[in-house]
């Protein structure tokens, strides 16, 4: 199960993803994530509580980053869980996202 907790302050939005960011949840999450990106100028995606991520989850993160770049918005990954860092390293995507890999203490 995946939960999304959101917070918005003006044009800055933070989404906290909690649970498994996997194929089983990808379709239901895609529209929600893109809608949030459309509603703000800067989007931070807090990944501290992502307990599992697969290629579908990583593809959604890539989609968000690409869509943000196309409309000149800022989309950052923050507070990476160990699972997310492992996936980024496996697919050598850290430089694509360009965010510091900061592991959450959670």
PDB file of N, CA and C in Angstrom:
ATOM      1  N   UNK A   1       0.837  -1.185   0.000  1.00  0.00           N
ATOM      2  CA  UNK A   1       0.000   0.000   0.000  1.00  0.00           C
ATOM      3  C   UNK A   1       0.877   1.243   0.000  1.00  0.00           C
ATOM      4  N   UNK A   2       0.478   2.251  -0.750  1.00  0.00           N
ATOM      5  CA  UNK A   2       1.217   3.510  -0.829  1.00  0.00           C
ATOM      6  C   UNK A   2       0.297   4.634  -0.408  1.00  0.00           C
ATOM      7  N   UNK A   3       0.809   5.480   0.466  1.00  0.00           N
ATOM      8  CA  UNK A   3       0.097   6.684   0.881  1.00  0.00           C
ATOM      9  C   UNK A   3       0.881   7.895   0.410  1.00  0.00           C
ATOM     10  N   UNK A   4       0.160   8.954   0.090  1.00  0.00           N
ATOM     11  CA  UNK A   4       0.795  10.218  -0.245  1.00  0.00           C
ATOM     12  C   UNK A   4       0.278  11.265   0.734  1.00  0.00           C
ATOM     13  N   UNK A   5       1.204  11.890   1.437  1.00  0.00           N
ATOM     14  CA  UNK A   5       0.864  12.998   2.324  1.00  0.00           C
ATOM     15  C   UNK A   5       1.372  14.259   1.646  1.00  0.00           C
ATOM     16  N   UNK A   6       0.528  15.267   1.543  1.00  0.00           N
ATOM     17  CA  UNK A   6       0.944  16.477   0.839  1.00  0.00           C
ATOM     18  C   UNK A   6       0.838  17.701   1.725  1.00  0.00           C
ATOM     19  N   UNK A   7       1.716  18.647   1.418  1.00  0.00           N
ATOM     20  CA  UNK A   7       1.731  19.924   2.109  1.00  0.00           C
ATOM     21  C   UNK A   7       2.049  20.987   1.065  1.00  0.00           C
ATOM     22  N   UNK A   8       1.321  22.088   1.094  1.00  0.00           N
ATOM     23  CA  UNK A   8       1.564  23.154   0.137  1.00  0.00           C
ATOM     24  C   UNK A   8       1.684  24.482   0.861  1.00  0.00           C
ATOM     25  N   UNK A   9       2.736  25.206   0.522  1.00  0.00           N
ATOM     26  CA  UNK A   9       2.967  26.558   1.034  1.00  0.00           C
ATOM     27  C   UNK A   9       3.199  27.446  -0.171  1.00  0.00           C
ATOM     28  N   UNK A  10       2.179  28.179  -0.554  1.00  0.00           N
ATOM     29  CA  UNK A  10       2.286  29.018  -1.750  1.00  0.00           C
ATOM     30  C   UNK A  10       2.523  28.156  -2.973  1.00  0.00           C
ATOM     31  N   UNK A  11       3.602  28.419  -3.679  1.00  0.00           N
ATOM     32  CA  UNK A  11       3.941  27.672  -4.897  1.00  0.00           C
ATOM     33  C   UNK A  11       4.834  26.471  -4.623  1.00  0.00           C
ATOM     34  N   UNK A  12       5.134  26.203  -3.344  1.00  0.00           N
ATOM     35  CA  UNK A  12       6.011  25.091  -2.971  1.00  0.00           C
ATOM     36  C   UNK A  12       5.180  23.950  -2.393  1.00  0.00           C
ATOM     37  N   UNK A  13       5.317  22.769  -2.992  1.00  0.00           N
ATOM     38  CA  UNK A  13       4.595  21.577  -2.530  1.00  0.00           C
ATOM     39  C   UNK A  13       5.599  20.521  -2.080  1.00  0.00           C
ATOM     40  N   UNK A  14       5.229  19.797  -1.048  1.00  0.00           N
ATOM     41  CA  UNK A  14       6.013  18.648  -0.614  1.00  0.00           C
ATOM     42  C   UNK A  14       5.081  17.442  -0.571  1.00  0.00           C
ATOM     43  N   UNK A  15       5.510  16.386  -1.225  1.00  0.00           N
ATOM     44  CA  UNK A  15       4.789  15.117  -1.179  1.00  0.00           C
ATOM     45  C   UNK A  15       5.641  14.124  -0.414  1.00  0.00           C
ATOM     46  N   UNK A  16       5.060  13.498   0.584  1.00  0.00           N
ATOM     47  CA  UNK A  16       5.752  12.463   1.348  1.00  0.00           C
ATOM     48  C   UNK A  16       5.132  11.128   0.947  1.00  0.00           C
ATOM     49  N   UNK A  17       5.948  10.273   0.335  1.00  0.00           N
ATOM     50  CA  UNK A  17       5.483   8.961  -0.094  1.00  0.00           C
ATOM     51  C   UNK A  17       5.756   7.962   1.021  1.00  0.00           C
ATOM     52  N   UNK A  18       4.735   7.200   1.377  1.00  0.00           N
ATOM     53  CA  UNK A  18       4.841   6.248   2.479  1.00  0.00           C
ATOM     54  C   UNK A  18       4.393   4.880   1.991  1.00  0.00           C
ATOM     55  N   UNK A  19       5.291   3.896   2.086  1.00  0.00           N
ATOM     56  CA  UNK A  19       4.944   2.529   1.709  1.00  0.00           C
ATOM     57  C   UNK A  19       5.687   2.059   0.479  1.00  0.00           C
ATOM     58  N   UNK A  20       5.048   1.150  -0.245  1.00  0.00           N
ATOM     59  CA  UNK A  20       5.655   0.520  -1.417  1.00  0.00           C
ATOM     60  C   UNK A  20       5.334   1.311  -2.674  1.00  0.00           C
ATOM     61  N   UNK A  21       6.369   1.784  -3.347  1.00  0.00           N
ATOM     62  CA  UNK A  21       6.240   2.553  -4.582  1.00  0.00           C
ATOM     63  C   UNK A  21       6.519   1.585  -5.731  1.00  0.00           C
ATOM     64  N   UNK A  22       5.497   0.762  -6.015  1.00  0.00           N
ATOM     65  CA  UNK A  22       5.678  -0.357  -6.941  1.00  0.00           C
ATOM     66  C   UNK A  22       4.584  -0.384  -8.002  1.00  0.00           C
ATOM     67  N   UNK A  23       4.744  -1.275  -8.960  1.00  0.00           N
ATOM     68  CA  UNK A  23       3.839  -1.392 -10.098  1.00  0.00           C
ATOM     69  C   UNK A  23       2.377  -1.481  -9.687  1.00  0.00           C
ATOM     70  N   UNK A  24       2.087  -2.203  -8.641  1.00  0.00           N
ATOM     71  CA  UNK A  24       0.699  -2.384  -8.215  1.00  0.00           C
ATOM     72  C   UNK A  24       0.007  -1.056  -7.895  1.00  0.00           C
ATOM     73  N   UNK A  25       0.796  -0.020  -7.563  1.00  0.00           N
ATOM     74  CA  UNK A  25       0.234   1.272  -7.190  1.00  0.00           C
ATOM     75  C   UNK A  25       0.518   2.367  -8.217  1.00  0.00           C
ATOM     76  N   UNK A  26       1.293   2.047  -9.239  1.00  0.00           N
ATOM     77  CA  UNK A  26       1.765   3.066 -10.187  1.00  0.00           C
ATOM     78  C   UNK A  26       0.631   3.786 -10.905  1.00  0.00           C
ATOM     79  N   UNK A  27      -0.333   3.073 -11.394  1.00  0.00           N
ATOM     80  CA  UNK A  27      -1.414   3.695 -12.158  1.00  0.00           C
ATOM     81  C   UNK A  27      -2.209   4.670 -11.308  1.00  0.00           C
ATOM     82  N   UNK A  28      -2.541   4.270 -10.096  1.00  0.00           N
ATOM     83  CA  UNK A  28      -3.328   5.144  -9.229  1.00  0.00           C
ATOM     84  C   UNK A  28      -2.531   6.354  -8.754  1.00  0.00           C
ATOM     85  N   UNK A  29      -1.211   6.250  -8.685  1.00  0.00           N
ATOM     86  CA  UNK A  29      -0.381   7.349  -8.215  1.00  0.00           C
ATOM     87  C   UNK A  29      -0.027   8.347  -9.311  1.00  0.00           C
ATOM     88  N   UNK A  30       0.057   7.894 -10.531  1.00  0.00           N
ATOM     89  CA  UNK A  30       0.527   8.743 -11.632  1.00  0.00           C
ATOM     90  C   UNK A  30      -0.256  10.046 -11.736  1.00  0.00           C
ATOM     91  N   UNK A  31      -1.557   9.974 -11.833  1.00  0.00           N
ATOM     92  CA  UNK A  31      -2.375  11.174 -12.001  1.00  0.00           C
ATOM     93  C   UNK A  31      -2.256  12.109 -10.802  1.00  0.00           C
ATOM     94  N   UNK A  32      -2.228  11.558  -9.607  1.00  0.00           N
ATOM     95  CA  UNK A  32      -2.113  12.366  -8.402  1.00  0.00           C
ATOM     96  C   UNK A  32      -0.780  13.113  -8.370  1.00  0.00           C
ATOM     97  N   UNK A  33       0.292  12.437  -8.723  1.00  0.00           N
ATOM     98  CA  UNK A  33       1.612  13.062  -8.730  1.00  0.00           C
ATOM     99  C   UNK A  33       1.695  14.162  -9.784  1.00  0.00           C
ATOM    100  N   UNK A  34       1.186  13.896 -10.975  1.00  0.00           N
ATOM    101  CA  UNK A  34       1.215  14.900 -12.042  1.00  0.00           C
ATOM    102  C   UNK A  34       0.319  16.092 -11.718  1.00  0.00           C
ATOM    103  N   UNK A  35      -0.843  15.837 -11.105  1.00  0.00           N
ATOM    104  CA  UNK A  35      -1.725  16.940 -10.699  1.00  0.00           C
ATOM    105  C   UNK A  35      -1.031  17.855  -9.688  1.00  0.00           C
ATOM    106  N   UNK A  36      -0.319  17.256  -8.746  1.00  0.00           N
ATOM    107  CA  UNK A  36       0.393  18.060  -7.762  1.00  0.00           C
ATOM    108  C   UNK A  36       1.475  18.896  -8.434  1.00  0.00           C
ATOM    109  N   UNK A  37       2.190  18.312  -9.375  1.00  0.00           N
ATOM    110  CA  UNK A  37       3.212  19.063 -10.108  1.00  0.00           C
ATOM    111  C   UNK A  37       2.589  20.255 -10.831  1.00  0.00           C
ATOM    112  N   UNK A  38       1.419  20.065 -11.399  1.00  0.00           N
ATOM    113  CA  UNK A  38       0.741  21.156 -12.109  1.00  0.00           C
ATOM    114  C   UNK A  38       0.319  22.288 -11.176  1.00  0.00           C
ATOM    115  N   UNK A  39       0.090  21.975  -9.899  1.00  0.00           N
ATOM    116  CA  UNK A  39      -0.405  22.959  -8.935  1.00  0.00           C
ATOM    117  C   UNK A  39       0.683  23.767  -8.245  1.00  0.00           C
ATOM    118  N   UNK A  40       1.953  23.511  -8.546  1.00  0.00           N
ATOM    119  CA  UNK A  40       3.023  24.218  -7.847  1.00  0.00           C
ATOM    120  C   UNK A  40       4.195  24.505  -8.777  1.00  0.00           C
ATOM    121  N   UNK A  41       5.065  25.374  -8.318  1.00  0.00           N
ATOM    122  CA  UNK A  41       6.267  25.714  -9.087  1.00  0.00           C
ATOM    123  C   UNK A  41       7.463  24.895  -8.628  1.00  0.00           C
ATOM    124  N   UNK A  42       7.462  24.513  -7.368  1.00  0.00           N
ATOM    125  CA  UNK A  42       8.536  23.685  -6.831  1.00  0.00           C
ATOM    126  C   UNK A  42       7.909  22.501  -6.114  1.00  0.00           C
ATOM    127  N   UNK A  43       8.378  21.307  -6.467  1.00  0.00           N
ATOM    128  CA  UNK A  43       7.856  20.086  -5.872  1.00  0.00           C
ATOM    129  C   UNK A  43       8.999  19.311  -5.235  1.00  0.00           C
ATOM    130  N   UNK A  44       8.894  19.056  -3.943  1.00  0.00           N
ATOM    131  CA  UNK A  44       9.827  18.190  -3.243  1.00  0.00           C
ATOM    132  C   UNK A  44       9.124  16.869  -2.986  1.00  0.00           C
ATOM    133  N   UNK A  45       9.797  15.791  -3.322  1.00  0.00           N
ATOM    134  CA  UNK A  45       9.243  14.459  -3.084  1.00  0.00           C
ATOM    135  C   UNK A  45      10.080  13.801  -1.991  1.00  0.00           C
ATOM    136  N   UNK A  46       9.472  13.665  -0.825  1.00  0.00           N
ATOM    137  CA  UNK A  46      10.135  13.094   0.343  1.00  0.00           C
ATOM    138  C   UNK A  46      10.007  11.571   0.266  1.00  0.00           C
ATOM    139  N   UNK A  47      11.151  10.909   0.158  1.00  0.00           N
ATOM    140  CA  UNK A  47      11.183   9.464  -0.059  1.00  0.00           C
ATOM    141  C   UNK A  47      11.644   8.690   1.179  1.00  0.00           C
ATOM    142  N   UNK A  48      11.669   9.340   2.332  1.00  0.00           N
ATOM    143  CA  UNK A  48      12.194   8.718   3.550  1.00  0.00           C
ATOM    144  C   UNK A  48      11.436   7.458   3.942  1.00  0.00           C
ATOM    145  N   UNK A  49      10.144   7.427   3.680  1.00  0.00           N
ATOM    146  CA  UNK A  49       9.324   6.300   4.126  1.00  0.00           C
ATOM    147  C   UNK A  49       8.917   5.358   2.994  1.00  0.00           C
ATOM    148  N   UNK A  50       9.685   5.383   1.902  1.00  0.00           N
ATOM    149  CA  UNK A  50       9.453   4.418   0.817  1.00  0.00           C
ATOM    150  C   UNK A  50      10.129   3.117   1.239  1.00  0.00           C
ATOM    151  N   UNK A  51       9.311   2.102   1.494  1.00  0.00           N
ATOM    152  CA  UNK A  51       9.840   0.829   1.982  1.00  0.00           C
ATOM    153  C   UNK A  51      10.267  -0.096   0.853  1.00  0.00           C
ATOM    154  N   UNK A  52       9.731   0.126  -0.346  1.00  0.00           N
ATOM    155  CA  UNK A  52      10.120  -0.667  -1.514  1.00  0.00           C
ATOM    156  C   UNK A  52       9.860   0.170  -2.758  1.00  0.00           C
ATOM    157  N   UNK A  53      10.697  -0.001  -3.759  1.00  0.00           N
ATOM    158  CA  UNK A  53      10.516   0.682  -5.038  1.00  0.00           C
ATOM    159  C   UNK A  53      10.961  -0.272  -6.137  1.00  0.00           C
ATOM    160  N   UNK A  54      10.205  -0.299  -7.218  1.00  0.00           N
ATOM    161  CA  UNK A  54      10.588  -1.118  -8.363  1.00  0.00           C
ATOM    162  C   UNK A  54      10.745  -0.209  -9.578  1.00  0.00           C
ATOM    163  N   UNK A  55      10.923  -0.803 -10.746  1.00  0.00           N
ATOM    164  CA  UNK A  55      11.140   0.012 -11.946  1.00  0.00           C
ATOM    165  C   UNK A  55       9.936   0.881 -12.266  1.00  0.00           C
ATOM    166  N   UNK A  56       8.737   0.443 -11.955  1.00  0.00           N
ATOM    167  CA  UNK A  56       7.550   1.274 -12.206  1.00  0.00           C
ATOM    168  C   UNK A  56       7.585   2.524 -11.332  1.00  0.00           C
ATOM    169  N   UNK A  57       7.964   2.385 -10.078  1.00  0.00           N
ATOM    170  CA  UNK A  57       8.101   3.530  -9.193  1.00  0.00           C
ATOM    171  C   UNK A  57       9.183   4.479  -9.690  1.00  0.00           C
ATOM    172  N   UNK A  58      10.308   3.915 -10.122  1.00  0.00           N
ATOM    173  CA  UNK A  58      11.394   4.745 -10.645  1.00  0.00           C
ATOM    174  C   UNK A  58      10.959   5.449 -11.930  1.00  0.00           C
ATOM    175  N   UNK A  59      10.188   4.778 -12.764  1.00  0.00           N
ATOM    176  CA  UNK A  59       9.691   5.412 -13.992  1.00  0.00           C
ATOM    177  C   UNK A  59       8.783   6.598 -13.673  1.00  0.00           C
ATOM    178  N   UNK A  60       7.985   6.495 -12.618  1.00  0.00           N
ATOM    179  CA  UNK A  60       7.146   7.630 -12.226  1.00  0.00           C
ATOM    180  C   UNK A  60       7.993   8.810 -11.761  1.00  0.00           C
ATOM    181  N   UNK A  61       9.064   8.535 -11.040  1.00  0.00           N
ATOM    182  CA  UNK A  61       9.950   9.620 -10.623  1.00  0.00           C
ATOM    183  C   UNK A  61      10.618  10.270 -11.837  1.00  0.00           C
ATOM    184  N   UNK A  62      11.019   9.439 -12.800  1.00  0.00           N
ATOM    185  CA  UNK A  62      11.610   9.968 -14.041  1.00  0.00           C
ATOM    186  C   UNK A  62      10.597  10.806 -14.814  1.00  0.00           C
ATOM    187  N   UNK A  63       9.360  10.339 -14.870  1.00  0.00           N
ATOM    188  CA  UNK A  63       8.297  11.076 -15.549  1.00  0.00           C
ATOM    189  C   UNK A  63       8.083  12.439 -14.898  1.00  0.00           C
ATOM    190  N   UNK A  64       8.003  12.475 -13.575  1.00  0.00           N
ATOM    191  CA  UNK A  64       7.815  13.741 -12.866  1.00  0.00           C
ATOM    192  C   UNK A  64       8.967  14.701 -13.140  1.00  0.00           C
ATOM    193  N   UNK A  65      10.182  14.198 -13.084  1.00  0.00           N
ATOM    194  CA  UNK A  65      11.350  15.050 -13.332  1.00  0.00           C
ATOM    195  C   UNK A  65      11.313  15.601 -14.759  1.00  0.00           C
ATOM    196  N   UNK A  66      11.014  14.743 -15.727  1.00  0.00           N
ATOM    197  CA  UNK A  66      10.960  15.177 -17.129  1.00  0.00           C
ATOM    198  C   UNK A  66       9.859  16.210 -17.349  1.00  0.00           C
ATOM    199  N   UNK A  67       8.677  15.958 -16.806  1.00  0.00           N
ATOM    200  CA  UNK A  67       7.567  16.894 -16.964  1.00  0.00           C
ATOM    201  C   UNK A  67       7.889  18.237 -16.308  1.00  0.00           C
ATOM    202  N   UNK A  68       8.543  18.206 -15.166  1.00  0.00           N
ATOM    203  CA  UNK A  68       8.927  19.446 -14.490  1.00  0.00           C
ATOM    204  C   UNK A  68       9.922  20.230 -15.349  1.00  0.00           C
ATOM    205  N   UNK A  69      10.893  19.538 -15.924  1.00  0.00           N
ATOM    206  CA  UNK A  69      11.873  20.225 -16.767  1.00  0.00           C
ATOM    207  C   UNK A  69      11.217  20.837 -18.003  1.00  0.00           C
ATOM    208  N   UNK A  70      10.241  20.148 -18.559  1.00  0.00           N
ATOM    209  CA  UNK A  70       9.569  20.651 -19.766  1.00  0.00           C
ATOM    210  C   UNK A  70       8.840  21.971 -19.519  1.00  0.00           C
ATOM    211  N   UNK A  71       8.323  22.157 -18.315  1.00  0.00           N
ATOM    212  CA  UNK A  71       7.579  23.380 -18.003  1.00  0.00           C
ATOM    213  C   UNK A  71       8.371  24.298 -17.060  1.00  0.00           C
ATOM    214  N   UNK A  72       9.686  24.047 -16.965  1.00  0.00           N
ATOM    215  CA  UNK A  72      10.603  24.888 -16.193  1.00  0.00           C
ATOM    216  C   UNK A  72      10.209  25.004 -14.720  1.00  0.00           C
ATOM    217  N   UNK A  73       9.860  23.858 -14.144  1.00  0.00           N
ATOM    218  CA  UNK A  73       9.572  23.798 -12.709  1.00  0.00           C
ATOM    219  C   UNK A  73      10.672  22.995 -12.027  1.00  0.00           C
ATOM    220  N   UNK A  74      10.755  23.158 -10.729  1.00  0.00           N
ATOM    221  CA  UNK A  74      11.766  22.473  -9.944  1.00  0.00           C
ATOM    222  C   UNK A  74      11.142  21.251  -9.275  1.00  0.00           C
ATOM    223  N   UNK A  75      11.702  20.083  -9.516  1.00  0.00           N
ATOM    224  CA  UNK A  75      11.235  18.844  -8.886  1.00  0.00           C
ATOM    225  C   UNK A  75      12.449  18.176  -8.256  1.00  0.00           C
ATOM    226  N   UNK A  76      12.421  18.057  -6.920  1.00  0.00           N
ATOM    227  CA  UNK A  76      13.560  17.494  -6.204  1.00  0.00           C
ATOM    228  C   UNK A  76      13.158  16.263  -5.405  1.00  0.00           C
ATOM    229  N   UNK A  77      14.076  15.313  -5.346  1.00  0.00           N
ATOM    230  CA  UNK A  77      13.918  14.150  -4.476  1.00  0.00           C
ATOM    231  C   UNK A  77      14.677  14.459  -3.194  1.00  0.00           C
ATOM    232  N   UNK A  78      14.016  14.246  -2.050  1.00  0.00           N
ATOM    233  CA  UNK A  78      14.665  14.529  -0.771  1.00  0.00           C
ATOM    234  C   UNK A  78      14.501  13.336   0.173  1.00  0.00           C
ATOM    235  N   UNK A  79      15.375  13.259   1.155  1.00  0.00           N
ATOM    236  CA  UNK A  79      15.299  12.241   2.220  1.00  0.00           C
ATOM    237  C   UNK A  79      15.140  10.823   1.658  1.00  0.00           C
ATOM    238  N   UNK A  80      16.068  10.429   0.842  1.00  0.00           N
ATOM    239  CA  UNK A  80      16.006   9.123   0.180  1.00  0.00           C
ATOM    240  C   UNK A  80      16.058   7.971   1.188  1.00  0.00           C
ATOM    241  N   UNK A  81      15.199   6.981   1.004  1.00  0.00           N
ATOM    242  CA  UNK A  81      15.302   5.755   1.802  1.00  0.00           C
ATOM    243  C   UNK A  81      16.429   4.906   1.197  1.00  0.00           C
ATOM    244  N   UNK A  82      16.873   3.916   1.944  1.00  0.00           N
ATOM    245  CA  UNK A  82      17.925   3.027   1.433  1.00  0.00           C
ATOM    246  C   UNK A  82      17.473   2.321   0.152  1.00  0.00           C
ATOM    247  N   UNK A  83      16.214   1.950   0.090  1.00  0.00           N
ATOM    248  CA  UNK A  83      15.695   1.270  -1.108  1.00  0.00           C
ATOM    249  C   UNK A  83      15.784   2.185  -2.336  1.00  0.00           C
ATOM    250  N   UNK A  84      15.464   3.445  -2.157  1.00  0.00           N
ATOM    251  CA  UNK A  84      15.524   4.398  -3.273  1.00  0.00           C
ATOM    252  C   UNK A  84      16.965   4.608  -3.715  1.00  0.00           C
ATOM    253  N   UNK A  85      17.868   4.767  -2.763  1.00  0.00           N
ATOM    254  CA  UNK A  85      19.280   4.942  -3.106  1.00  0.00           C
ATOM    255  C   UNK A  85      19.793   3.724  -3.868  1.00  0.00           C
ATOM    256  N   UNK A  86      19.442   2.534  -3.411  1.00  0.00           N
ATOM    257  CA  UNK A  86      19.856   1.319  -4.112  1.00  0.00           C
ATOM    258  C   UNK A  86      19.362   1.309  -5.551  1.00  0.00           C
ATOM    259  N   UNK A  87      18.110   1.717  -5.759  1.00  0.00           N
ATOM    260  CA  UNK A  87      17.542   1.739  -7.110  1.00  0.00           C
ATOM    261  C   UNK A  87      18.235   2.787  -7.979  1.00  0.00           C
ATOM    262  N   UNK A  88      18.465   3.972  -7.423  1.00  0.00           N
ATOM    263  CA  UNK A  88      19.165   5.022  -8.172  1.00  0.00           C
ATOM    264  C   UNK A  88      20.566   4.574  -8.576  1.00  0.00           C
ATOM    265  N   UNK A  89      21.254   3.890  -7.673  1.00  0.00           N
ATOM    266  CA  UNK A  89      22.597   3.405  -7.972  1.00  0.00           C
ATOM    267  C   UNK A  89      22.569   2.262  -8.982  1.00  0.00           C
ATOM    268  N   UNK A  90      21.599   1.376  -8.853  1.00  0.00           N
ATOM    269  CA  UNK A  90      21.486   0.255  -9.788  1.00  0.00           C
ATOM    270  C   UNK A  90      21.333   0.745 -11.214  1.00  0.00           C
ATOM    271  N   UNK A  91      20.492   1.744 -11.405  1.00  0.00           N
ATOM    272  CA  UNK A  91      20.236   2.264 -12.748  1.00  0.00           C
ATOM    273  C   UNK A  91      21.072   3.499 -13.083  1.00  0.00           C
ATOM    274  N   UNK A  92      22.009   3.846 -12.209  1.00  0.00           N
ATOM    275  CA  UNK A  92      22.921   4.978 -12.416  1.00  0.00           C
ATOM    276  C   UNK A  92      22.158   6.256 -12.788  1.00  0.00           C
ATOM    277  N   UNK A  93      21.149   6.585 -11.983  1.00  0.00           N
ATOM    278  CA  UNK A  93      20.280   7.738 -12.247  1.00  0.00           C
ATOM    279  C   UNK A  93      20.506   8.916 -11.299  1.00  0.00           C
ATOM    280  N   UNK A  94      21.436   8.790 -10.381  1.00  0.00           N
ATOM    281  CA  UNK A  94      21.657   9.870  -9.419  1.00  0.00           C
ATOM    282  C   UNK A  94      21.973  11.186 -10.116  1.00  0.00           C
ATOM    283  N   UNK A  95      22.817  11.147 -11.126  1.00  0.00           N
ATOM    284  CA  UNK A  95      23.194  12.388 -11.799  1.00  0.00           C
ATOM    285  C   UNK A  95      22.039  12.954 -12.619  1.00  0.00           C
ATOM    286  N   UNK A  96      21.144  12.108 -13.119  1.00  0.00           N
ATOM    287  CA  UNK A  96      19.989  12.601 -13.872  1.00  0.00           C
ATOM    288  C   UNK A  96      19.105  13.476 -12.985  1.00  0.00           C
ATOM    289  N   UNK A  97      18.842  12.990 -11.787  1.00  0.00           N
ATOM    290  CA  UNK A  97      18.003  13.758 -10.862  1.00  0.00           C
ATOM    291  C   UNK A  97      18.768  14.944 -10.293  1.00  0.00           C
ATOM    292  N   UNK A  98      20.070  14.781 -10.061  1.00  0.00           N
ATOM    293  CA  UNK A  98      20.904  15.874  -9.605  1.00  0.00           C
ATOM    294  C   UNK A  98      20.697  16.298  -8.173  1.00  0.00           C
ATOM    295  N   UNK A  99      19.963  15.529  -7.398  1.00  0.00           N
ATOM    296  CA  UNK A  99      19.701  15.870  -6.005  1.00  0.00           C
ATOM    297  C   UNK A  99      20.737  15.206  -5.110  1.00  0.00           C
ATOM    298  N   UNK A 100      21.142  15.874  -4.036  1.00  0.00           N
ATOM    299  CA  UNK A 100      22.061  15.212  -3.088  1.00  0.00           C
ATOM    300  C   UNK A 100      21.384  13.975  -2.528  1.00  0.00           C
ATOM    301  N   UNK A 101      22.127  12.883  -2.450  1.00  0.00           N
ATOM    302  CA  UNK A 101      21.571  11.655  -1.890  1.00  0.00           C
ATOM    303  C   UNK A 101      21.716  11.709  -0.372  1.00  0.00           C
ATOM    304  N   UNK A 102      20.647  12.134   0.263  1.00  0.00           N
ATOM    305  CA  UNK A 102      20.628  12.256   1.713  1.00  0.00           C
ATOM    306  C   UNK A 102      19.735  11.152   2.247  1.00  0.00           C
ATOM    307  N   UNK A 103      20.351  10.249   2.996  1.00  0.00           N
ATOM    308  CA  UNK A 103      19.579   9.155   3.581  1.00  0.00           C
ATOM    309  C   UNK A 103      18.831   9.657   4.803  1.00  0.00           C
ATOM    310  N   UNK A 104      17.594   9.259   4.883  1.00  0.00           N
ATOM    311  CA  UNK A 104      16.790   9.615   6.042  1.00  0.00           C
ATOM    312  C   UNK A 104      17.205   8.768   7.229  1.00  0.00           C
ATOM    313  N   UNK A 105      17.086   9.321   8.416  1.00  0.00           N
ATOM    314  CA  UNK A 105      17.374   8.570   9.634  1.00  0.00           C
ATOM    315  C   UNK A 105      16.236   7.623   9.987  1.00  0.00           C
ATOM    316  N   UNK A 106      15.091   7.760   9.305  1.00  0.00           N
ATOM    317  CA  UNK A 106      13.915   6.920   9.603  1.00  0.00           C
ATOM    318  C   UNK A 106      14.119   5.504   9.160  1.00  0.00           C
TER     319      UNK A 106
END
